Amino acid sequence: MRLVVLLSGSGSNFQIIIDAVAAGQLDVDIVAAGSDVADAYGLARAETAGIETFVVDYTAYDSRAAWTMALAEHVAAYQPDIVLSSGLMRIVGEEFITRFAGRFINTHPALLPSFPGAHAVADALDAGVVVTGTTLHIVDAGVDTGPILDQRSVAISPDDDEASLHEKIKVAERQMLLENLARLAAGTTPEQLIRPYAKPR
């Protein structure tokens, strides 16, 4: 399975994938890692592992549409089976989503549809819920609204703050991500992973 990873930051989840591939635990060909910012540490992780990298700098384009089209061209050049958003902090436009429909997946640090958006961990704490978690979903044109592929729950302790809760979520998120990438690599399609009780879309 050919995988392109998109990121904006440190790429800690990406490193888990790199390590699993190197250890022979995951049969995935990471063909490239791309970012919207040139100094994303995740790109350095890729280069250390001998993975090709590319940058499509958001600030170099006069519109999100133009940036989206450029990003889509870069990604398409690698002919990926799956595109994974691993901390990409930009909302891509419709051109990208259409081009990679059903193949563009993302992890989110909450049990969607609860707490979508960029502040999911803090929002869960502010709401006073006792359980949150992580979701793997297909990316669609909305914000964290795509079909759910998998979820893992995480209990919130009374003494959790945003940092400690986020770390607990990351542990569950990484396990979920590796297990589902293995399923995809074995020939399961993202559509086949959609929860069977989900409303048809």
N, C-alpha and C. Protein backbone atom coordinates (compact mmCIF):
# COMPACT_ATOMS: atom_id res chain seq x y z
N MET A 1 0.84 -1.20 0.00
CA MET A 1 0.00 0.00 0.00
C MET A 1 0.87 1.25 0.00
N ARG A 2 0.62 2.12 -0.95
CA ARG A 2 1.38 3.36 -1.06
C ARG A 2 0.71 4.44 -0.20
N LEU A 3 1.48 5.01 0.72
CA LEU A 3 0.96 5.97 1.69
C LEU A 3 1.68 7.30 1.58
N VAL A 4 0.92 8.38 1.47
CA VAL A 4 1.45 9.73 1.59
C VAL A 4 0.93 10.31 2.90
N VAL A 5 1.83 10.88 3.69
CA VAL A 5 1.47 11.47 4.98
C VAL A 5 1.60 12.99 4.88
N LEU A 6 0.58 13.70 5.34
CA LEU A 6 0.58 15.16 5.36
C LEU A 6 0.59 15.63 6.81
N LEU A 7 1.45 16.61 7.10
CA LEU A 7 1.60 17.07 8.48
C LEU A 7 2.01 18.54 8.51
N SER A 8 1.84 19.14 9.67
CA SER A 8 2.24 20.53 9.87
C SER A 8 3.23 20.71 11.01
N GLY A 9 3.37 19.69 11.85
CA GLY A 9 4.17 19.84 13.06
C GLY A 9 5.20 18.77 13.28
N SER A 10 5.25 18.26 14.51
CA SER A 10 6.34 17.38 14.92
C SER A 10 6.25 15.99 14.31
N GLY A 11 5.05 15.55 13.96
CA GLY A 11 4.91 14.24 13.34
C GLY A 11 5.15 13.08 14.29
N SER A 12 4.72 13.20 15.54
CA SER A 12 4.96 12.12 16.51
C SER A 12 4.20 10.85 16.12
N ASN A 13 2.98 10.98 15.63
CA ASN A 13 2.25 9.81 15.15
C ASN A 13 2.93 9.23 13.91
N PHE A 14 3.43 10.09 13.06
CA PHE A 14 4.14 9.66 11.86
C PHE A 14 5.35 8.81 12.24
N GLN A 15 6.05 9.19 13.31
CA GLN A 15 7.22 8.42 13.74
C GLN A 15 6.82 7.00 14.14
N ILE A 16 5.67 6.85 14.77
CA ILE A 16 5.19 5.53 15.15
C ILE A 16 4.99 4.66 13.91
N ILE A 17 4.48 5.25 12.84
CA ILE A 17 4.28 4.51 11.59
C ILE A 17 5.63 4.14 10.99
N ILE A 18 6.56 5.10 10.95
CA ILE A 18 7.91 4.83 10.44
C ILE A 18 8.54 3.66 11.18
N ASP A 19 8.44 3.70 12.51
CA ASP A 19 9.05 2.65 13.34
C ASP A 19 8.41 1.29 13.09
N ALA A 20 7.09 1.27 12.93
CA ALA A 20 6.39 0.00 12.70
C ALA A 20 6.78 -0.59 11.35
N VAL A 21 6.93 0.26 10.34
CA VAL A 21 7.37 -0.22 9.03
C VAL A 21 8.79 -0.76 9.11
N ALA A 22 9.67 -0.02 9.79
CA ALA A 22 11.07 -0.44 9.91
C ALA A 22 11.21 -1.76 10.66
N ALA A 23 10.31 -2.00 11.61
CA ALA A 23 10.36 -3.23 12.40
C ALA A 23 9.67 -4.40 11.72
N GLY A 24 9.13 -4.17 10.53
CA GLY A 24 8.44 -5.23 9.82
C GLY A 24 7.07 -5.54 10.36
N GLN A 25 6.52 -4.62 11.15
CA GLN A 25 5.21 -4.83 11.77
C GLN A 25 4.06 -4.26 10.93
N LEU A 26 4.41 -3.50 9.90
CA LEU A 26 3.40 -2.84 9.07
C LEU A 26 3.87 -2.85 7.63
N ASP A 27 3.08 -3.48 6.76
CA ASP A 27 3.46 -3.63 5.35
C ASP A 27 2.93 -2.45 4.54
N VAL A 28 3.58 -1.32 4.75
CA VAL A 28 3.18 -0.07 4.09
C VAL A 28 4.41 0.57 3.45
N ASP A 29 4.22 1.11 2.25
CA ASP A 29 5.28 1.84 1.57
C ASP A 29 4.98 3.33 1.74
N ILE A 30 5.72 3.98 2.64
CA ILE A 30 5.53 5.42 2.84
C ILE A 30 6.28 6.12 1.72
N VAL A 31 5.55 6.54 0.69
CA VAL A 31 6.20 7.06 -0.51
C VAL A 31 6.59 8.52 -0.39
N ALA A 32 5.94 9.26 0.52
CA ALA A 32 6.29 10.67 0.70
C ALA A 32 5.63 11.23 1.95
N ALA A 33 6.24 12.29 2.47
CA ALA A 33 5.65 13.10 3.53
C ALA A 33 5.64 14.54 3.05
N GLY A 34 4.51 15.20 3.19
CA GLY A 34 4.39 16.58 2.74
C GLY A 34 3.88 17.48 3.83
N SER A 35 4.18 18.77 3.69
CA SER A 35 3.77 19.73 4.71
C SER A 35 3.42 21.07 4.07
N ASP A 36 2.67 21.85 4.82
CA ASP A 36 2.35 23.22 4.40
C ASP A 36 3.36 24.21 4.96
N VAL A 37 4.29 23.74 5.81
CA VAL A 37 5.32 24.60 6.39
C VAL A 37 6.69 23.93 6.25
N ALA A 38 7.67 24.71 5.86
CA ALA A 38 8.98 24.14 5.53
C ALA A 38 9.73 23.60 6.75
N ASP A 39 9.46 24.16 7.94
CA ASP A 39 10.23 23.76 9.11
C ASP A 39 9.51 22.75 10.00
N ALA A 40 8.50 22.07 9.46
CA ALA A 40 7.80 21.04 10.24
C ALA A 40 8.79 19.93 10.59
N TYR A 41 8.87 19.59 11.86
CA TYR A 41 9.84 18.58 12.30
C TYR A 41 9.52 17.21 11.72
N GLY A 42 8.27 16.99 11.40
CA GLY A 42 7.89 15.73 10.79
C GLY A 42 8.63 15.47 9.49
N LEU A 43 9.00 16.53 8.77
CA LEU A 43 9.77 16.36 7.53
C LEU A 43 11.17 15.85 7.84
N ALA A 44 11.75 16.33 8.94
CA ALA A 44 13.07 15.83 9.35
C ALA A 44 12.99 14.36 9.72
N ARG A 45 11.91 13.95 10.35
CA ARG A 45 11.72 12.53 10.67
C ARG A 45 11.71 11.70 9.38
N ALA A 46 11.01 12.22 8.38
CA ALA A 46 10.94 11.51 7.10
C ALA A 46 12.31 11.40 6.45
N GLU A 47 13.03 12.51 6.43
CA GLU A 47 14.35 12.52 5.79
C GLU A 47 15.30 11.56 6.48
N THR A 48 15.24 11.50 7.80
CA THR A 48 16.08 10.56 8.56
C THR A 48 15.78 9.12 8.16
N ALA A 49 14.52 8.85 7.85
CA ALA A 49 14.10 7.50 7.47
C ALA A 49 14.25 7.24 5.97
N GLY A 50 14.76 8.22 5.23
CA GLY A 50 14.95 8.04 3.80
C GLY A 50 13.68 8.17 2.98
N ILE A 51 12.70 8.88 3.52
CA ILE A 51 11.42 9.07 2.85
C ILE A 51 11.42 10.41 2.13
N GLU A 52 10.94 10.44 0.91
CA GLU A 52 10.87 11.68 0.14
C GLU A 52 9.95 12.68 0.84
N THR A 53 10.29 13.96 0.72
CA THR A 53 9.48 15.02 1.33
C THR A 53 9.17 16.10 0.30
N PHE A 54 8.12 16.84 0.58
CA PHE A 54 7.80 18.02 -0.24
C PHE A 54 7.08 19.04 0.63
N VAL A 55 7.18 20.29 0.22
CA VAL A 55 6.53 21.39 0.93
C VAL A 55 5.67 22.17 -0.06
N VAL A 56 4.44 22.40 0.30
CA VAL A 56 3.56 23.29 -0.45
C VAL A 56 3.18 24.40 0.53
N ASP A 57 3.98 25.45 0.54
CA ASP A 57 3.87 26.52 1.53
C ASP A 57 2.56 27.29 1.34
N TYR A 58 1.73 27.24 2.35
CA TYR A 58 0.42 27.90 2.26
C TYR A 58 0.57 29.39 1.99
N THR A 59 1.59 30.02 2.56
CA THR A 59 1.75 31.47 2.42
C THR A 59 2.21 31.89 1.03
N ALA A 60 2.60 30.94 0.22
CA ALA A 60 3.07 31.26 -1.14
C ALA A 60 1.93 31.37 -2.14
N TYR A 61 0.71 31.11 -1.70
CA TYR A 61 -0.44 31.11 -2.61
C TYR A 61 -1.44 32.19 -2.18
N ASP A 62 -2.14 32.73 -3.17
CA ASP A 62 -3.04 33.85 -2.86
C ASP A 62 -4.43 33.40 -2.44
N SER A 63 -4.68 32.11 -2.46
CA SER A 63 -5.99 31.61 -2.02
C SER A 63 -5.85 30.16 -1.56
N ARG A 64 -6.81 29.74 -0.76
CA ARG A 64 -6.82 28.34 -0.33
C ARG A 64 -7.03 27.42 -1.53
N ALA A 65 -7.84 27.87 -2.49
CA ALA A 65 -8.10 27.05 -3.67
C ALA A 65 -6.82 26.79 -4.46
N ALA A 66 -6.01 27.83 -4.62
CA ALA A 66 -4.75 27.67 -5.36
C ALA A 66 -3.80 26.75 -4.62
N TRP A 67 -3.73 26.92 -3.30
CA TRP A 67 -2.87 26.04 -2.50
C TRP A 67 -3.36 24.60 -2.56
N THR A 68 -4.67 24.42 -2.47
CA THR A 68 -5.25 23.08 -2.52
C THR A 68 -4.91 22.38 -3.83
N MET A 69 -5.02 23.10 -4.94
CA MET A 69 -4.72 22.50 -6.24
C MET A 69 -3.25 22.10 -6.33
N ALA A 70 -2.37 22.96 -5.80
CA ALA A 70 -0.94 22.64 -5.82
C ALA A 70 -0.65 21.43 -4.94
N LEU A 71 -1.27 21.37 -3.77
CA LEU A 71 -1.09 20.23 -2.88
C LEU A 71 -1.57 18.94 -3.55
N ALA A 72 -2.71 19.01 -4.20
CA ALA A 72 -3.26 17.83 -4.87
C ALA A 72 -2.31 17.33 -5.96
N GLU A 73 -1.71 18.24 -6.70
CA GLU A 73 -0.77 17.85 -7.76
C GLU A 73 0.46 17.16 -7.17
N HIS A 74 0.98 17.71 -6.09
CA HIS A 74 2.15 17.11 -5.45
C HIS A 74 1.83 15.70 -4.94
N VAL A 75 0.71 15.56 -4.27
CA VAL A 75 0.34 14.26 -3.72
C VAL A 75 0.08 13.25 -4.83
N ALA A 76 -0.64 13.67 -5.86
CA ALA A 76 -1.00 12.76 -6.95
C ALA A 76 0.24 12.20 -7.65
N ALA A 77 1.32 12.97 -7.66
CA ALA A 77 2.54 12.51 -8.33
C ALA A 77 3.09 11.22 -7.71
N TYR A 78 2.73 10.96 -6.46
CA TYR A 78 3.21 9.75 -5.77
C TYR A 78 2.24 8.58 -5.89
N GLN A 79 1.12 8.79 -6.57
CA GLN A 79 0.13 7.73 -6.81
C GLN A 79 -0.22 6.95 -5.53
N PRO A 80 -0.68 7.67 -4.50
CA PRO A 80 -0.96 6.99 -3.22
C PRO A 80 -2.26 6.19 -3.26
N ASP A 81 -2.26 5.10 -2.50
CA ASP A 81 -3.50 4.38 -2.24
C ASP A 81 -4.27 5.05 -1.12
N ILE A 82 -3.52 5.56 -0.13
CA ILE A 82 -4.11 6.24 1.02
C ILE A 82 -3.31 7.52 1.29
N VAL A 83 -4.03 8.59 1.62
CA VAL A 83 -3.41 9.84 2.08
C VAL A 83 -3.84 10.03 3.53
N LEU A 84 -2.86 10.17 4.41
CA LEU A 84 -3.13 10.31 5.84
C LEU A 84 -2.79 11.72 6.31
N SER A 85 -3.75 12.39 6.89
CA SER A 85 -3.48 13.65 7.58
C SER A 85 -3.02 13.31 8.99
N SER A 86 -1.75 13.59 9.27
CA SER A 86 -1.18 13.30 10.59
C SER A 86 -0.77 14.62 11.23
N GLY A 87 -1.78 15.41 11.58
CA GLY A 87 -1.50 16.72 12.15
C GLY A 87 -1.37 17.81 11.12
N LEU A 88 -2.00 17.66 9.95
CA LEU A 88 -2.05 18.75 8.98
C LEU A 88 -3.03 19.79 9.52
N MET A 89 -2.54 21.00 9.77
CA MET A 89 -3.36 22.01 10.43
C MET A 89 -4.00 22.99 9.46
N ARG A 90 -4.17 22.58 8.22
CA ARG A 90 -4.89 23.38 7.23
C ARG A 90 -6.10 22.59 6.75
N ILE A 91 -7.17 23.29 6.50
CA ILE A 91 -8.35 22.66 5.91
C ILE A 91 -8.17 22.69 4.40
N VAL A 92 -8.12 21.52 3.80
CA VAL A 92 -7.94 21.46 2.35
C VAL A 92 -9.27 21.74 1.65
N GLY A 93 -9.17 22.23 0.43
CA GLY A 93 -10.37 22.55 -0.33
C GLY A 93 -10.97 21.37 -1.06
N GLU A 94 -12.06 21.64 -1.74
CA GLU A 94 -12.84 20.59 -2.38
C GLU A 94 -12.08 19.86 -3.48
N GLU A 95 -11.21 20.56 -4.18
CA GLU A 95 -10.43 19.93 -5.25
C GLU A 95 -9.66 18.72 -4.72
N PHE A 96 -9.04 18.88 -3.57
CA PHE A 96 -8.25 17.80 -2.98
C PHE A 96 -9.15 16.65 -2.54
N ILE A 97 -10.23 16.99 -1.85
CA ILE A 97 -11.14 15.97 -1.32
C ILE A 97 -11.77 15.17 -2.45
N THR A 98 -12.12 15.85 -3.54
CA THR A 98 -12.70 15.16 -4.69
C THR A 98 -11.68 14.24 -5.35
N ARG A 99 -10.47 14.74 -5.49
CA ARG A 99 -9.44 13.96 -6.17
C ARG A 99 -9.08 12.68 -5.41
N PHE A 100 -9.10 12.78 -4.08
CA PHE A 100 -8.73 11.62 -3.26
C PHE A 100 -9.93 11.11 -2.44
N ALA A 101 -11.08 11.21 -3.03
CA ALA A 101 -12.33 10.83 -2.35
C ALA A 101 -12.26 9.40 -1.84
N GLY A 102 -12.57 9.25 -0.55
CA GLY A 102 -12.58 7.93 0.06
C GLY A 102 -11.21 7.39 0.43
N ARG A 103 -10.16 8.12 0.07
CA ARG A 103 -8.79 7.65 0.34
C ARG A 103 -8.02 8.59 1.27
N PHE A 104 -8.64 9.71 1.65
CA PHE A 104 -8.00 10.72 2.50
C PHE A 104 -8.56 10.54 3.91
N ILE A 105 -7.70 10.13 4.85
CA ILE A 105 -8.15 9.82 6.21
C ILE A 105 -7.43 10.69 7.24
N ASN A 106 -8.05 10.81 8.39
CA ASN A 106 -7.56 11.71 9.43
C ASN A 106 -7.88 11.14 10.81
N THR A 107 -7.02 11.42 11.77
CA THR A 107 -7.34 11.11 13.17
C THR A 107 -7.74 12.40 13.88
N HIS A 108 -8.66 12.27 14.83
CA HIS A 108 -9.15 13.43 15.58
C HIS A 108 -9.20 13.06 17.06
N PRO A 109 -8.74 13.95 17.95
CA PRO A 109 -8.66 13.61 19.38
C PRO A 109 -9.96 13.79 20.16
N ALA A 110 -11.01 13.17 19.67
CA ALA A 110 -12.30 13.15 20.37
C ALA A 110 -13.17 12.08 19.73
N LEU A 111 -14.26 11.75 20.39
CA LEU A 111 -15.21 10.78 19.85
C LEU A 111 -16.23 11.54 19.01
N LEU A 112 -15.91 11.72 17.75
CA LEU A 112 -16.82 12.44 16.85
C LEU A 112 -18.17 11.71 16.79
N PRO A 113 -19.27 12.44 16.64
CA PRO A 113 -19.35 13.86 16.29
C PRO A 113 -19.19 14.84 17.44
N SER A 114 -18.88 14.38 18.63
CA SER A 114 -18.62 15.31 19.74
C SER A 114 -17.27 16.00 19.56
N PHE A 115 -17.23 17.27 19.87
CA PHE A 115 -16.01 18.06 19.94
C PHE A 115 -15.18 18.06 18.65
N PRO A 116 -15.79 18.48 17.54
CA PRO A 116 -15.00 18.67 16.32
C PRO A 116 -14.14 19.92 16.43
N GLY A 117 -13.25 20.11 15.49
CA GLY A 117 -12.45 21.32 15.45
C GLY A 117 -11.11 21.20 16.15
N ALA A 118 -10.41 22.32 16.21
CA ALA A 118 -9.01 22.34 16.63
C ALA A 118 -8.80 22.26 18.14
N HIS A 119 -9.86 22.42 18.94
CA HIS A 119 -9.70 22.48 20.40
C HIS A 119 -10.45 21.33 21.08
N ALA A 120 -10.43 20.17 20.46
CA ALA A 120 -11.25 19.05 20.93
C ALA A 120 -10.93 18.62 22.35
N VAL A 121 -9.65 18.57 22.70
CA VAL A 121 -9.27 18.09 24.03
C VAL A 121 -9.74 19.07 25.10
N ALA A 122 -9.48 20.34 24.88
CA ALA A 122 -9.93 21.37 25.82
C ALA A 122 -11.45 21.41 25.90
N ASP A 123 -12.11 21.25 24.77
CA ASP A 123 -13.57 21.29 24.76
C ASP A 123 -14.17 20.15 25.57
N ALA A 124 -13.55 18.97 25.50
CA ALA A 124 -14.03 17.83 26.29
C ALA A 124 -13.89 18.11 27.78
N LEU A 125 -12.76 18.68 28.18
CA LEU A 125 -12.56 19.02 29.59
C LEU A 125 -13.56 20.08 30.04
N ASP A 126 -13.76 21.09 29.20
CA ASP A 126 -14.68 22.18 29.55
C ASP A 126 -16.12 21.68 29.68
N ALA A 127 -16.46 20.65 28.91
CA ALA A 127 -17.82 20.12 28.94
C ALA A 127 -18.08 19.24 30.16
N GLY A 128 -17.02 18.81 30.83
CA GLY A 128 -17.18 17.98 32.01
C GLY A 128 -17.52 16.53 31.74
N VAL A 129 -17.27 16.06 30.52
CA VAL A 129 -17.55 14.65 30.22
C VAL A 129 -16.52 13.76 30.92
N VAL A 130 -16.87 12.52 31.15
CA VAL A 130 -15.96 11.60 31.85
C VAL A 130 -15.24 10.66 30.88
N VAL A 131 -15.68 10.66 29.63
CA VAL A 131 -15.04 9.84 28.60
C VAL A 131 -14.89 10.66 27.33
N THR A 132 -13.73 10.58 26.73
CA THR A 132 -13.51 11.14 25.39
C THR A 132 -12.77 10.06 24.60
N GLY A 133 -11.97 10.44 23.65
CA GLY A 133 -11.26 9.41 22.90
C GLY A 133 -10.67 9.93 21.61
N THR A 134 -10.62 9.05 20.63
CA THR A 134 -10.03 9.40 19.34
C THR A 134 -10.82 8.72 18.23
N THR A 135 -10.84 9.37 17.09
CA THR A 135 -11.61 8.89 15.94
C THR A 135 -10.73 8.86 14.70
N LEU A 136 -10.85 7.80 13.92
CA LEU A 136 -10.27 7.74 12.58
C LEU A 136 -11.42 7.88 11.60
N HIS A 137 -11.31 8.84 10.68
CA HIS A 137 -12.43 9.07 9.76
C HIS A 137 -11.94 9.46 8.37
N ILE A 138 -12.81 9.26 7.40
CA ILE A 138 -12.55 9.76 6.05
C ILE A 138 -12.80 11.26 6.05
N VAL A 139 -11.94 12.00 5.39
CA VAL A 139 -12.10 13.45 5.31
C VAL A 139 -13.10 13.79 4.22
N ASP A 140 -14.07 14.63 4.57
CA ASP A 140 -15.00 15.15 3.57
C ASP A 140 -14.94 16.67 3.60
N ALA A 141 -15.91 17.33 2.99
CA ALA A 141 -15.84 18.79 2.85
C ALA A 141 -16.14 19.53 4.15
N GLY A 142 -16.65 18.85 5.16
CA GLY A 142 -16.92 19.51 6.43
C GLY A 142 -15.72 19.46 7.35
N VAL A 143 -15.90 19.99 8.56
CA VAL A 143 -14.83 19.96 9.56
C VAL A 143 -15.09 18.77 10.49
N ASP A 144 -14.31 17.71 10.30
CA ASP A 144 -14.42 16.49 11.13
C ASP A 144 -15.81 15.86 11.04
N THR A 145 -16.37 15.85 9.84
CA THR A 145 -17.72 15.32 9.64
C THR A 145 -17.75 14.07 8.78
N GLY A 146 -16.61 13.59 8.31
CA GLY A 146 -16.59 12.45 7.40
C GLY A 146 -16.94 11.13 8.06
N PRO A 147 -17.21 10.10 7.26
CA PRO A 147 -17.58 8.79 7.79
C PRO A 147 -16.54 8.24 8.77
N ILE A 148 -17.02 7.71 9.89
CA ILE A 148 -16.14 7.19 10.94
C ILE A 148 -15.69 5.78 10.59
N LEU A 149 -14.38 5.56 10.68
CA LEU A 149 -13.79 4.25 10.42
C LEU A 149 -13.53 3.47 11.70
N ASP A 150 -13.12 4.17 12.75
CA ASP A 150 -12.85 3.50 14.03
C ASP A 150 -12.81 4.55 15.13
N GLN A 151 -13.04 4.11 16.35
CA GLN A 151 -12.95 4.98 17.53
C GLN A 151 -12.40 4.19 18.71
N ARG A 152 -11.71 4.90 19.59
CA ARG A 152 -11.23 4.33 20.85
C ARG A 152 -11.56 5.31 21.96
N SER A 153 -12.06 4.80 23.07
CA SER A 153 -12.44 5.66 24.18
C SER A 153 -11.30 5.81 25.18
N VAL A 154 -11.28 6.94 25.85
CA VAL A 154 -10.28 7.26 26.87
C VAL A 154 -11.00 7.89 28.06
N ALA A 155 -10.80 7.34 29.24
CA ALA A 155 -11.43 7.89 30.45
C ALA A 155 -10.72 9.17 30.87
N ILE A 156 -11.50 10.13 31.32
CA ILE A 156 -10.94 11.39 31.82
C ILE A 156 -10.89 11.32 33.34
N SER A 157 -9.70 11.50 33.90
CA SER A 157 -9.52 11.49 35.35
C SER A 157 -9.78 12.88 35.92
N PRO A 158 -10.19 12.96 37.18
CA PRO A 158 -10.45 14.27 37.79
C PRO A 158 -9.25 15.20 37.77
N ASP A 159 -8.04 14.63 37.79
CA ASP A 159 -6.84 15.47 37.82
C ASP A 159 -6.24 15.69 36.43
N ASP A 160 -6.91 15.27 35.37
CA ASP A 160 -6.39 15.50 34.02
C ASP A 160 -6.45 16.98 33.67
N ASP A 161 -5.40 17.46 33.03
CA ASP A 161 -5.45 18.76 32.36
C ASP A 161 -5.33 18.49 30.86
N GLU A 162 -5.29 19.55 30.07
CA GLU A 162 -5.29 19.36 28.62
C GLU A 162 -4.08 18.55 28.16
N ALA A 163 -2.91 18.84 28.73
CA ALA A 163 -1.69 18.14 28.31
C ALA A 163 -1.73 16.66 28.66
N SER A 164 -2.13 16.34 29.89
CA SER A 164 -2.13 14.93 30.30
C SER A 164 -3.20 14.13 29.55
N LEU A 165 -4.35 14.76 29.33
CA LEU A 165 -5.41 14.07 28.59
C LEU A 165 -5.00 13.84 27.14
N HIS A 166 -4.35 14.83 26.56
CA HIS A 166 -3.93 14.67 25.16
C HIS A 166 -2.93 13.53 25.02
N GLU A 167 -2.05 13.38 26.00
CA GLU A 167 -1.08 12.27 25.95
C GLU A 167 -1.79 10.92 26.04
N LYS A 168 -2.80 10.83 26.89
CA LYS A 168 -3.57 9.58 27.00
C LYS A 168 -4.29 9.27 25.68
N ILE A 169 -4.83 10.30 25.07
CA ILE A 169 -5.51 10.11 23.79
C ILE A 169 -4.54 9.65 22.71
N LYS A 170 -3.33 10.22 22.72
CA LYS A 170 -2.33 9.85 21.71
C LYS A 170 -1.98 8.36 21.77
N VAL A 171 -1.92 7.81 22.98
CA VAL A 171 -1.62 6.38 23.12
C VAL A 171 -2.69 5.55 22.40
N ALA A 172 -3.95 5.88 22.66
CA ALA A 172 -5.06 5.16 22.01
C ALA A 172 -5.08 5.42 20.51
N GLU A 173 -4.79 6.65 20.14
CA GLU A 173 -4.81 7.05 18.74
C GLU A 173 -3.78 6.28 17.92
N ARG A 174 -2.58 6.14 18.47
CA ARG A 174 -1.51 5.45 17.75
C ARG A 174 -1.83 3.98 17.55
N GLN A 175 -2.36 3.34 18.56
CA GLN A 175 -2.74 1.93 18.43
C GLN A 175 -3.82 1.77 17.38
N MET A 176 -4.82 2.64 17.44
CA MET A 176 -5.91 2.60 16.47
C MET A 176 -5.39 2.82 15.06
N LEU A 177 -4.50 3.77 14.90
CA LEU A 177 -3.96 4.09 13.58
C LEU A 177 -3.18 2.92 13.00
N LEU A 178 -2.30 2.33 13.80
CA LEU A 178 -1.50 1.20 13.31
C LEU A 178 -2.38 0.01 12.94
N GLU A 179 -3.37 -0.29 13.76
CA GLU A 179 -4.25 -1.43 13.48
C GLU A 179 -5.03 -1.22 12.18
N ASN A 180 -5.49 -0.01 11.96
CA ASN A 180 -6.29 0.25 10.76
C ASN A 180 -5.43 0.40 9.52
N LEU A 181 -4.23 0.92 9.65
CA LEU A 181 -3.32 0.93 8.50
C LEU A 181 -2.98 -0.50 8.08
N ALA A 182 -2.82 -1.39 9.06
CA ALA A 182 -2.56 -2.79 8.75
C ALA A 182 -3.74 -3.41 8.00
N ARG A 183 -4.95 -3.08 8.40
CA ARG A 183 -6.13 -3.59 7.70
C ARG A 183 -6.17 -3.08 6.26
N LEU A 184 -5.88 -1.80 6.09
CA LEU A 184 -5.87 -1.22 4.75
C LEU A 184 -4.77 -1.84 3.90
N ALA A 185 -3.61 -2.05 4.50
CA ALA A 185 -2.50 -2.65 3.76
C ALA A 185 -2.81 -4.08 3.34
N ALA A 186 -3.67 -4.75 4.10
CA ALA A 186 -4.04 -6.14 3.79
C ALA A 186 -5.13 -6.22 2.73
N GLY A 187 -5.61 -5.06 2.27
CA GLY A 187 -6.59 -5.06 1.19
C GLY A 187 -7.97 -4.56 1.54
N THR A 188 -8.22 -4.30 2.81
CA THR A 188 -9.50 -3.71 3.20
C THR A 188 -9.55 -2.28 2.70
N THR A 189 -10.68 -1.85 2.18
CA THR A 189 -10.81 -0.47 1.72
C THR A 189 -11.35 0.40 2.85
N PRO A 190 -11.09 1.72 2.80
CA PRO A 190 -11.68 2.59 3.81
C PRO A 190 -13.20 2.46 3.88
N GLU A 191 -13.84 2.30 2.73
CA GLU A 191 -15.30 2.15 2.72
C GLU A 191 -15.75 0.93 3.51
N GLN A 192 -14.96 -0.13 3.45
CA GLN A 192 -15.30 -1.35 4.19
C GLN A 192 -15.11 -1.19 5.69
N LEU A 193 -14.33 -0.19 6.10
CA LEU A 193 -14.11 0.06 7.52
C LEU A 193 -15.18 0.94 8.15
N ILE A 194 -15.99 1.59 7.32
CA ILE A 194 -17.02 2.48 7.86
C ILE A 194 -17.92 1.68 8.79
N ARG A 195 -18.21 2.25 9.95
CA ARG A 195 -18.98 1.55 10.97
C ARG A 195 -20.30 1.04 10.38
N PRO A 196 -20.64 -0.22 10.59
CA PRO A 196 -21.80 -0.82 9.91
C PRO A 196 -23.13 -0.20 10.29
N TYR A 197 -23.18 0.46 11.44
CA TYR A 197 -24.43 1.07 11.88
C TYR A 197 -24.50 2.55 11.51
N ALA A 198 -23.50 3.03 10.76
CA ALA A 198 -23.50 4.44 10.39
C ALA A 198 -24.59 4.71 9.36
N LYS A 199 -25.12 5.92 9.40
CA LYS A 199 -26.11 6.33 8.42
C LYS A 199 -25.47 6.37 7.03
N PRO A 200 -26.10 5.82 6.01
CA PRO A 200 -25.52 5.89 4.66
C PRO A 200 -25.31 7.33 4.23
N ARG A 201 -24.21 7.58 3.51
CA ARG A 201 -23.91 8.94 3.06
C ARG A 201 -23.84 8.97 1.54
